């Protein structure tokens, strides 16, 4: 019998630390829409760890000239 998956939600500071970044950077990324998806519960912002992992995966690059788009 499989155990249910527990979603781990992290507040902004913890999510930034998890990703090797800062709270300030995450707040700016939220403003520009370039960060990970998040949920807002009242005034509290939380991130699911699986969403952070997917976002980090999407940021992988092979070189400094790699923009990440598939059009190249």
N, C-alpha and C. Protein backbone atom coordinates (compact mmCIF):
# COMPACT_ATOMS: atom_id res chain seq x y z
N UNK A 1 0.84 -1.18 0.00
CA UNK A 1 0.00 0.00 0.00
C UNK A 1 0.88 1.25 0.00
N UNK A 2 0.62 2.15 -0.94
CA UNK A 2 1.42 3.37 -1.04
C UNK A 2 0.98 4.38 -0.01
N UNK A 3 1.98 5.09 0.54
CA UNK A 3 1.67 6.17 1.47
C UNK A 3 1.25 7.39 0.67
N UNK A 4 0.32 8.19 1.17
CA UNK A 4 -0.08 9.40 0.45
C UNK A 4 1.08 10.38 0.37
N UNK A 5 1.16 11.06 -0.78
CA UNK A 5 2.20 12.06 -0.94
C UNK A 5 1.85 13.29 -0.13
N UNK A 6 2.79 13.75 0.65
CA UNK A 6 2.58 14.96 1.44
C UNK A 6 3.22 16.12 0.71
N UNK A 7 2.43 17.13 0.40
CA UNK A 7 2.97 18.32 -0.25
C UNK A 7 3.64 19.18 0.80
N UNK A 8 4.85 19.54 0.52
CA UNK A 8 5.58 20.41 1.43
C UNK A 8 5.49 21.83 0.92
N UNK A 9 4.91 22.69 1.71
CA UNK A 9 4.79 24.10 1.33
C UNK A 9 5.79 24.92 2.12
N UNK A 10 6.44 25.82 1.41
CA UNK A 10 7.46 26.66 2.02
C UNK A 10 7.09 28.13 1.86
N UNK A 11 7.32 28.89 2.91
CA UNK A 11 7.14 30.34 2.80
C UNK A 11 8.29 30.92 1.99
N UNK A 12 8.19 32.18 1.62
CA UNK A 12 9.14 32.79 0.69
C UNK A 12 10.59 32.62 1.11
N UNK A 13 10.92 32.93 2.35
CA UNK A 13 12.31 32.82 2.80
C UNK A 13 12.83 31.40 2.68
N UNK A 14 12.01 30.43 3.11
CA UNK A 14 12.43 29.02 3.04
C UNK A 14 12.52 28.53 1.60
N UNK A 15 11.60 28.98 0.75
CA UNK A 15 11.63 28.60 -0.66
C UNK A 15 12.89 29.16 -1.33
N UNK A 16 13.22 30.40 -1.02
CA UNK A 16 14.43 31.01 -1.58
C UNK A 16 15.67 30.26 -1.12
N UNK A 17 15.74 29.94 0.16
CA UNK A 17 16.88 29.17 0.68
C UNK A 17 16.97 27.81 0.00
N UNK A 18 15.85 27.15 -0.18
CA UNK A 18 15.80 25.85 -0.84
C UNK A 18 16.40 25.92 -2.25
N UNK A 19 16.16 27.05 -2.92
CA UNK A 19 16.63 27.24 -4.30
C UNK A 19 18.00 27.92 -4.36
N UNK A 20 18.58 28.24 -3.23
CA UNK A 20 19.88 28.90 -3.21
C UNK A 20 19.81 30.37 -3.56
N UNK A 21 18.71 31.00 -3.22
CA UNK A 21 18.50 32.40 -3.55
C UNK A 21 18.14 33.19 -2.29
N UNK A 22 17.60 34.38 -2.49
CA UNK A 22 17.23 35.23 -1.36
C UNK A 22 15.75 35.57 -1.41
N UNK A 23 15.20 35.94 -0.28
CA UNK A 23 13.80 36.36 -0.19
C UNK A 23 13.54 37.53 -1.14
N UNK A 24 14.45 38.48 -1.16
CA UNK A 24 14.30 39.66 -2.01
C UNK A 24 14.21 39.28 -3.49
N UNK A 25 15.05 38.37 -3.93
CA UNK A 25 15.02 37.92 -5.32
C UNK A 25 13.70 37.26 -5.63
N UNK A 26 13.22 36.41 -4.73
CA UNK A 26 11.93 35.74 -4.95
C UNK A 26 10.78 36.74 -5.02
N UNK A 27 10.82 37.77 -4.19
CA UNK A 27 9.78 38.79 -4.24
C UNK A 27 9.80 39.52 -5.58
N UNK A 28 10.99 39.82 -6.10
CA UNK A 28 11.11 40.48 -7.40
C UNK A 28 10.64 39.56 -8.52
N UNK A 29 11.00 38.28 -8.44
CA UNK A 29 10.57 37.32 -9.46
C UNK A 29 9.05 37.18 -9.47
N UNK A 30 8.43 37.26 -8.31
CA UNK A 30 6.96 37.21 -8.24
C UNK A 30 6.35 38.42 -8.94
N UNK A 31 6.95 39.58 -8.77
CA UNK A 31 6.43 40.80 -9.40
C UNK A 31 6.50 40.74 -10.91
N UNK A 32 7.56 40.13 -11.43
CA UNK A 32 7.76 40.08 -12.88
C UNK A 32 7.16 38.83 -13.51
N UNK A 33 6.71 37.89 -12.70
CA UNK A 33 6.13 36.66 -13.22
C UNK A 33 7.16 35.66 -13.70
N UNK A 34 8.42 35.83 -13.30
CA UNK A 34 9.49 34.94 -13.75
C UNK A 34 9.84 33.85 -12.74
N UNK A 35 9.18 33.87 -11.60
CA UNK A 35 9.48 32.89 -10.57
C UNK A 35 8.60 31.67 -10.67
N UNK A 36 8.71 30.83 -9.68
CA UNK A 36 7.90 29.62 -9.59
C UNK A 36 6.45 29.99 -9.31
N UNK A 37 5.54 29.10 -9.68
CA UNK A 37 4.15 29.31 -9.30
C UNK A 37 4.05 29.25 -7.78
N UNK A 38 3.07 29.93 -7.24
CA UNK A 38 2.91 30.00 -5.78
C UNK A 38 1.43 30.08 -5.44
N UNK A 39 1.14 29.93 -4.18
CA UNK A 39 -0.23 30.09 -3.69
C UNK A 39 -0.23 31.22 -2.67
N UNK A 40 -1.35 31.88 -2.57
CA UNK A 40 -1.49 32.96 -1.60
C UNK A 40 -2.64 32.60 -0.66
N UNK A 41 -2.34 32.53 0.60
CA UNK A 41 -3.33 32.21 1.62
C UNK A 41 -3.42 33.44 2.51
N UNK A 42 -4.45 34.23 2.30
CA UNK A 42 -4.51 35.52 2.98
C UNK A 42 -3.38 36.39 2.46
N UNK A 43 -2.52 36.82 3.36
CA UNK A 43 -1.36 37.62 2.96
C UNK A 43 -0.09 36.79 2.91
N UNK A 44 -0.21 35.49 3.14
CA UNK A 44 0.95 34.61 3.17
C UNK A 44 1.15 33.94 1.82
N UNK A 45 2.36 34.01 1.30
CA UNK A 45 2.74 33.35 0.05
C UNK A 45 3.43 32.04 0.40
N UNK A 46 3.00 30.97 -0.26
CA UNK A 46 3.64 29.67 -0.05
C UNK A 46 3.94 29.02 -1.40
N UNK A 47 5.00 28.24 -1.42
CA UNK A 47 5.44 27.52 -2.61
C UNK A 47 5.42 26.03 -2.32
N UNK A 48 4.94 25.24 -3.28
CA UNK A 48 5.04 23.78 -3.17
C UNK A 48 6.43 23.37 -3.63
N UNK A 49 7.04 22.48 -2.88
CA UNK A 49 8.40 22.03 -3.21
C UNK A 49 8.47 21.42 -4.61
N UNK A 50 7.45 20.68 -5.03
CA UNK A 50 7.47 20.08 -6.37
C UNK A 50 7.45 21.17 -7.46
N UNK A 51 6.75 22.28 -7.20
CA UNK A 51 6.74 23.38 -8.16
C UNK A 51 8.10 24.06 -8.22
N UNK A 52 8.75 24.19 -7.07
CA UNK A 52 10.09 24.78 -7.05
C UNK A 52 11.07 23.90 -7.82
N UNK A 53 10.97 22.59 -7.63
CA UNK A 53 11.85 21.66 -8.37
C UNK A 53 11.63 21.77 -9.87
N UNK A 54 10.37 21.86 -10.30
CA UNK A 54 10.06 21.99 -11.73
C UNK A 54 10.59 23.32 -12.27
N UNK A 55 10.45 24.38 -11.51
CA UNK A 55 10.94 25.70 -11.93
C UNK A 55 12.46 25.68 -12.05
N UNK A 56 13.14 25.08 -11.06
CA UNK A 56 14.60 24.98 -11.12
C UNK A 56 15.03 24.16 -12.34
N UNK A 57 14.33 23.09 -12.62
CA UNK A 57 14.64 22.25 -13.79
C UNK A 57 14.54 23.07 -15.07
N UNK A 58 13.55 23.96 -15.15
CA UNK A 58 13.35 24.78 -16.35
C UNK A 58 14.44 25.83 -16.52
N UNK A 59 15.22 26.07 -15.48
CA UNK A 59 16.28 27.09 -15.53
C UNK A 59 17.64 26.52 -15.93
N UNK A 60 17.72 25.22 -16.16
CA UNK A 60 19.00 24.60 -16.54
C UNK A 60 19.43 25.08 -17.92
N UNK A 61 20.71 25.34 -18.07
CA UNK A 61 21.29 25.81 -19.32
C UNK A 61 22.59 25.06 -19.59
N UNK A 62 22.98 25.01 -20.87
CA UNK A 62 24.23 24.36 -21.25
C UNK A 62 25.39 25.34 -21.36
N UNK A 63 25.07 26.61 -21.61
CA UNK A 63 26.12 27.61 -21.74
C UNK A 63 25.53 28.99 -21.42
N UNK A 64 26.42 29.98 -21.31
CA UNK A 64 25.96 31.33 -21.02
C UNK A 64 25.18 31.93 -22.18
N UNK A 65 25.35 31.40 -23.38
CA UNK A 65 24.62 31.91 -24.55
C UNK A 65 23.29 31.18 -24.74
N UNK A 66 23.02 30.17 -23.92
CA UNK A 66 21.78 29.39 -24.00
C UNK A 66 20.67 30.18 -23.34
N UNK A 67 19.70 30.65 -24.13
CA UNK A 67 18.58 31.43 -23.57
C UNK A 67 17.49 30.55 -23.01
N UNK A 68 17.56 29.26 -23.31
CA UNK A 68 16.55 28.35 -22.80
C UNK A 68 15.37 28.15 -23.72
N UNK A 69 15.27 28.97 -24.78
CA UNK A 69 14.15 28.79 -25.70
C UNK A 69 14.48 27.68 -26.69
N UNK A 70 13.45 27.02 -27.18
CA UNK A 70 13.66 25.91 -28.12
C UNK A 70 13.77 26.40 -29.56
N UNK A 71 13.66 27.71 -29.78
CA UNK A 71 13.69 28.26 -31.14
C UNK A 71 15.07 28.25 -31.76
N UNK A 72 16.09 28.05 -30.96
CA UNK A 72 17.46 28.18 -31.47
C UNK A 72 17.85 27.03 -32.33
